[in-house]
Protein backbone atom coordinates (compact mmCIF):
# COMPACT_ATOMS: atom_id res chain seq x y z
CA UNK A 1 -63.40 8.05 -5.07
CA UNK A 2 -59.95 9.57 -5.14
CA UNK A 3 -57.75 8.38 -8.04
CA UNK A 4 -54.58 9.76 -6.47
CA UNK A 5 -54.83 7.11 -3.74
CA UNK A 6 -54.47 4.29 -6.29
CA UNK A 7 -51.66 5.62 -8.51
CA UNK A 8 -49.88 2.40 -9.47
CA UNK A 9 -52.99 0.39 -10.29
CA UNK A 10 -55.03 3.02 -12.19
CA UNK A 11 -55.55 2.32 -15.87
CA UNK A 12 -58.09 5.02 -16.70
CA UNK A 13 -60.03 7.84 -15.01
CA UNK A 14 -63.31 9.29 -16.34
CA UNK A 15 -65.88 11.62 -14.85
CA UNK A 16 -67.90 8.62 -13.63
CA UNK A 17 -65.41 5.83 -13.01
CA UNK A 18 -61.89 4.71 -12.34
CA UNK A 19 -60.56 1.56 -14.02
CA UNK A 20 -58.03 -0.28 -11.93
CA UNK A 21 -56.22 -3.61 -12.09
CA UNK A 22 -57.68 -5.88 -9.42
CA UNK A 23 -55.21 -6.17 -6.53
CA UNK A 24 -55.94 -9.89 -6.20
CA UNK A 25 -56.90 -10.96 -9.75
CA UNK A 26 -58.93 -14.14 -10.11
CA UNK A 27 -58.14 -14.48 -13.84
CA UNK A 28 -55.25 -13.69 -16.16
CA UNK A 29 -57.02 -10.39 -16.83
CA UNK A 30 -59.13 -8.89 -14.03
CA UNK A 31 -60.05 -5.21 -13.90
CA UNK A 32 -62.44 -3.26 -11.74
CA UNK A 33 -64.54 -0.39 -13.09
CA UNK A 34 -65.24 1.59 -9.91
CA UNK A 35 -68.02 4.16 -9.79
CA UNK A 36 -66.96 7.59 -8.55
CA UNK A 37 -70.44 8.46 -7.35
CA UNK A 38 -70.57 8.78 -3.57
CA UNK A 39 -73.10 6.71 -1.63
CA UNK A 40 -73.16 3.73 -3.97
CA UNK A 41 -71.70 0.73 -2.23
CA UNK A 42 -73.62 -2.16 -3.77
CA UNK A 43 -76.27 -3.10 -6.34
CA UNK A 44 -78.97 -2.61 -3.72
CA UNK A 45 -78.11 1.12 -3.63
CA UNK A 46 -79.07 1.54 -7.27
CA UNK A 47 -82.38 2.92 -8.49
CA UNK A 48 -83.79 4.12 -11.80
CA UNK A 49 -81.81 7.36 -11.55
CA UNK A 50 -78.61 5.29 -11.92
CA UNK A 51 -79.51 3.54 -15.22
CA UNK A 52 -77.28 5.79 -17.32
CA UNK A 53 -74.40 5.47 -14.88
CA UNK A 54 -74.59 1.64 -15.01
CA UNK A 55 -74.80 1.73 -18.80
CA UNK A 56 -71.71 3.94 -18.90
CA UNK A 57 -69.82 1.63 -16.54
CA UNK A 58 -70.77 -1.28 -18.82
CA UNK A 59 -69.60 0.56 -21.95
CA UNK A 60 -66.28 1.36 -20.25
CA UNK A 61 -65.89 -2.28 -19.31
CA UNK A 62 -66.65 -3.39 -22.87
CA UNK A 63 -64.05 -0.92 -24.23
CA UNK A 64 -61.46 -2.49 -21.95
CA UNK A 65 -62.49 -5.97 -23.08
CA UNK A 66 -61.86 -4.92 -26.67
CA UNK A 67 -58.41 -3.53 -25.75
CA UNK A 68 -57.55 -6.77 -23.93
CA UNK A 69 -58.79 -8.90 -26.82
CA UNK A 70 -56.48 -6.98 -29.15
CA UNK A 71 -53.58 -8.10 -26.94
CA UNK A 72 -54.75 -11.71 -26.69
CA UNK A 73 -57.54 -12.98 -28.94
CA UNK A 74 -57.81 -16.25 -27.07
CA UNK A 75 -59.28 -14.59 -23.99
CA UNK A 76 -62.97 -14.78 -23.10
CA UNK A 77 -64.58 -12.31 -20.69
CA UNK A 78 -67.59 -11.65 -18.47
CA UNK A 79 -68.55 -8.25 -17.09
CA UNK A 80 -70.56 -7.98 -13.88
CA UNK A 81 -70.99 -7.39 -10.21
CA UNK A 82 -70.86 -9.45 -7.05
CA UNK A 83 -74.23 -9.71 -5.29
CA UNK A 84 -72.43 -8.82 -2.08
CA UNK A 85 -69.32 -6.81 -2.89
CA UNK A 86 -66.04 -7.46 -1.10
CA UNK A 87 -65.29 -3.74 -0.83
CA UNK A 88 -67.29 -0.57 -0.43
CA UNK A 89 -67.96 1.57 -3.49
CA UNK A 90 -69.90 0.12 -6.40
CA UNK A 91 -67.56 -1.69 -8.76
CA UNK A 92 -67.94 -3.88 -11.79
CA UNK A 93 -65.60 -6.76 -12.60
CA UNK A 94 -64.11 -7.29 -16.07
CA UNK A 95 -62.68 -10.79 -15.77
CA UNK A 96 -61.21 -13.30 -18.19
CA UNK A 97 -62.89 -16.70 -18.03
CA UNK A 98 -59.67 -18.70 -17.79
CA UNK A 99 -59.99 -18.04 -14.02
CA UNK A 100 -56.29 -18.88 -13.90
CA UNK A 101 -54.65 -17.08 -11.00
CA UNK A 102 -52.71 -17.84 -7.85
CA UNK A 103 -55.13 -15.46 -6.08
CA UNK A 104 -58.04 -17.82 -6.76
CA UNK A 105 -57.53 -19.97 -3.68
CA UNK A 106 -60.83 -21.23 -2.33
CA UNK A 107 -64.46 -22.17 -2.99
CA UNK A 108 -65.69 -18.69 -2.12
CA UNK A 109 -63.43 -17.11 -4.74
CA UNK A 110 -64.51 -19.60 -7.42
CA UNK A 111 -68.22 -19.45 -6.69
CA UNK A 112 -68.26 -15.66 -6.54
CA UNK A 113 -67.57 -15.66 -10.32
CA UNK A 114 -69.27 -18.88 -11.47
CA UNK A 115 -72.66 -18.90 -9.75
CA UNK A 116 -75.58 -16.48 -9.76
CA UNK A 117 -73.68 -14.62 -7.04
CA UNK A 118 -72.03 -12.96 -10.08
CA UNK A 119 -74.58 -10.64 -11.66
CA UNK A 120 -73.86 -9.98 -15.33
CA UNK A 121 -73.87 -6.27 -16.12
CA UNK A 122 -76.39 -6.59 -18.97
CA UNK A 123 -78.82 -8.34 -16.64
CA UNK A 124 -78.34 -5.62 -13.99
CA UNK A 125 -79.13 -2.96 -16.61
CA UNK A 126 -82.24 -4.86 -17.76
CA UNK A 127 -83.48 -5.26 -14.20
CA UNK A 128 -82.91 -1.60 -13.37
CA UNK A 129 -84.78 -0.54 -16.52
CA UNK A 130 -87.66 -2.92 -15.80
CA UNK A 131 -88.12 -2.43 -12.08
CA UNK A 132 -86.05 0.60 -11.05
CA UNK A 133 -83.96 -1.48 -8.66
CA UNK A 134 -81.79 -4.58 -8.37
CA UNK A 135 -83.15 -7.23 -6.06
CA UNK A 136 -80.79 -9.36 -3.97
CA UNK A 137 -80.32 -12.81 -5.47
CA UNK A 138 -81.36 -14.54 -2.25
CA UNK A 139 -79.06 -16.33 0.14
CA UNK A 140 -75.70 -15.11 -1.13
CA UNK A 141 -73.75 -17.06 1.48
CA UNK A 142 -75.18 -20.39 0.32
CA UNK A 143 -74.15 -19.58 -3.27
CA UNK A 144 -70.57 -19.17 -2.13
CA UNK A 145 -70.69 -22.59 -0.44
CA UNK A 146 -71.98 -24.57 -3.45
CA UNK A 147 -69.93 -27.48 -4.73
CA UNK A 148 -67.07 -26.66 -7.07
CA UNK A 149 -68.19 -27.01 -10.69
CA UNK A 150 -66.35 -26.29 -13.90
CA UNK A 151 -67.91 -23.13 -15.35
CA UNK A 152 -67.84 -24.67 -18.82
CA UNK A 153 -68.87 -28.35 -18.58
CA UNK A 154 -70.34 -28.15 -15.05
CA UNK A 155 -68.37 -31.21 -13.92
CA UNK A 156 -68.02 -31.30 -10.13
CA UNK A 157 -64.50 -31.26 -8.69
CA UNK A 158 -63.56 -32.10 -5.07
CA UNK A 159 -61.14 -29.21 -4.45
CA UNK A 160 -59.52 -26.14 -5.97
CA UNK A 161 -56.28 -27.83 -7.16
CA UNK A 162 -58.26 -30.51 -9.03
CA UNK A 163 -60.63 -27.87 -10.41
CA UNK A 164 -57.71 -25.74 -11.66
CA UNK A 165 -56.14 -28.83 -13.27
CA UNK A 166 -59.45 -29.64 -14.96
CA UNK A 167 -60.10 -26.15 -16.36
CA UNK A 168 -56.67 -26.09 -17.99
CA UNK A 169 -57.86 -28.78 -20.40
CA UNK A 170 -61.65 -28.37 -20.48
CA UNK A 171 -62.75 -27.34 -23.97
CA UNK A 172 -66.50 -27.61 -23.46
CA UNK A 173 -68.46 -24.63 -24.78
CA UNK A 174 -69.66 -22.09 -22.25
CA UNK A 175 -73.23 -22.66 -21.06
CA UNK A 176 -75.68 -21.66 -23.84
CA UNK A 177 -77.70 -19.32 -21.61
CA UNK A 178 -74.62 -17.17 -20.98
CA UNK A 179 -73.73 -17.09 -24.67
CA UNK A 180 -77.25 -16.41 -25.98
CA UNK A 181 -77.74 -13.51 -23.57
CA UNK A 182 -74.44 -11.95 -24.60
CA UNK A 183 -72.79 -12.42 -21.19
CA UNK A 184 -69.76 -14.16 -22.70
CA UNK A 185 -67.55 -11.80 -24.70
CA UNK A 186 -64.91 -13.10 -27.08
CA UNK A 187 -63.23 -12.23 -30.34
CA UNK A 188 -65.56 -12.83 -33.31
């Protein structure tokens, strides 16, 4: 990974990662923590030798969440990976859960962050520690084609404009399983 190729979008460079603003953000705040280790393109490339790397990527993502929460305490975040990444080179998403963006245009975009297609970083770390690898979640394509559901109240919406209108006013709590497992990050 060559930081000099991404000059205007780079937020931070470390030995192991580059933090960049997502070129097509799907939330008000959407960053990518991109591994600099060659040969890692997806979760399936990881093995037990990468546990510390993935923990370090997670810690870097959490540090950015704290910075972003200092700017806007109303934001809520998740940190994780797509089961099938949209670009080569392993990268972790740090994304605000408002999912309010003109770049979020279709069902595939929505479902890639609101279904099990999105693998929370903590769960990836736990799976790597337990089994030494990260198994595919199954039929990734079918997850991207699921009906559109609010990620808070799970109410089904017929299309993206209606879904976006709904999430502007939905105040339901986030699903308990995400909160209890620490996948939802917000200001305390």
